[in-house]
Amino acid sequence: MTTGISLVRENAESLRPPRTLWVSFPLGRPLGKPGDSAFQHAVIEHALDLLERDQGPVLEDFPLDAPAVSVEQAPACPISFARPMQDDGSWTARLRNELLEMKPWYDLGRRRRGRTTVGVSNSSIDEIVQKLASWLDDRESPFPDLKWFKYAIEDAKAYYTEALTAQPGDYPPELVFRQLWHESGLGAALRAYYQYFRAHTELQLFARIVAPREAIGGATGEEVIHTPIDKTSAPDKH
């Protein structure tokens, strides 16, 4: 028997695993607020209790939300997302300049933790940023391989999250989420990719991998205006 914790209820409903505990926490925080061991143990114990159910699939809601942390009381972010003085307006320039600001914080965070979650794509962050930006700058160029793209954007999001959380103080996930998706060039780039995938009927489900609905706007993400695109221009799914 197996049990698990899900942050995306739709996935659990579709896949119907044997036993799943759904939690209403931010993406990337399946146990709630980091450092709150009592709350995390409560989540784990609730998930393990599902193993006692005689039959599955079981999908149960965790009754509590993660402890709230006031965004207004969080320390000021020492990283600026302001546009550099010299910028040609391209996605490549925007993301490469932003990455230069992120690297010191990421390196600091990695030294403190002694580990990183970045690396599933087997590509450097510089290569990832370059490829993501290049296609946005020239959409007539070949689309990145979808398998690589899936892992690359997870590496990019993990890199930025680790850089942001390396800042001093207790940064709540709400603030990190806002800075990643609404104040950074990477967030803007991923929203652009989201809209591209949403415009392709056969690739709409892939859009969920790119960005959560909350990052797009609205509870369902349907506020995005979809522009029909010729299916012959869609990237190869294989």
Foldseek 3Di string as FASTA:
>chain_A
DDWEEDADVVVCVVVFDQEYEYAVEDPPCRQAAPPPVVSSVVSVVVRVVRVPDPGDDYYHYDPDHHDDDDQVPWDDQPQALDQDPDDPPAQLRSQVVSVVSQVVLLVLLCVVVVDFPACPLVDDLNVLSNLLRVCVRPVVDAHPQPVSNLNSLVNVLRSQLSSRCSDPDRRDPVVSLCCCQPVHSSNVSLLVVLLVQCLAPVRNVVSCSSDPLVSCDDPVVVVRDHDHDDPVSDHDND
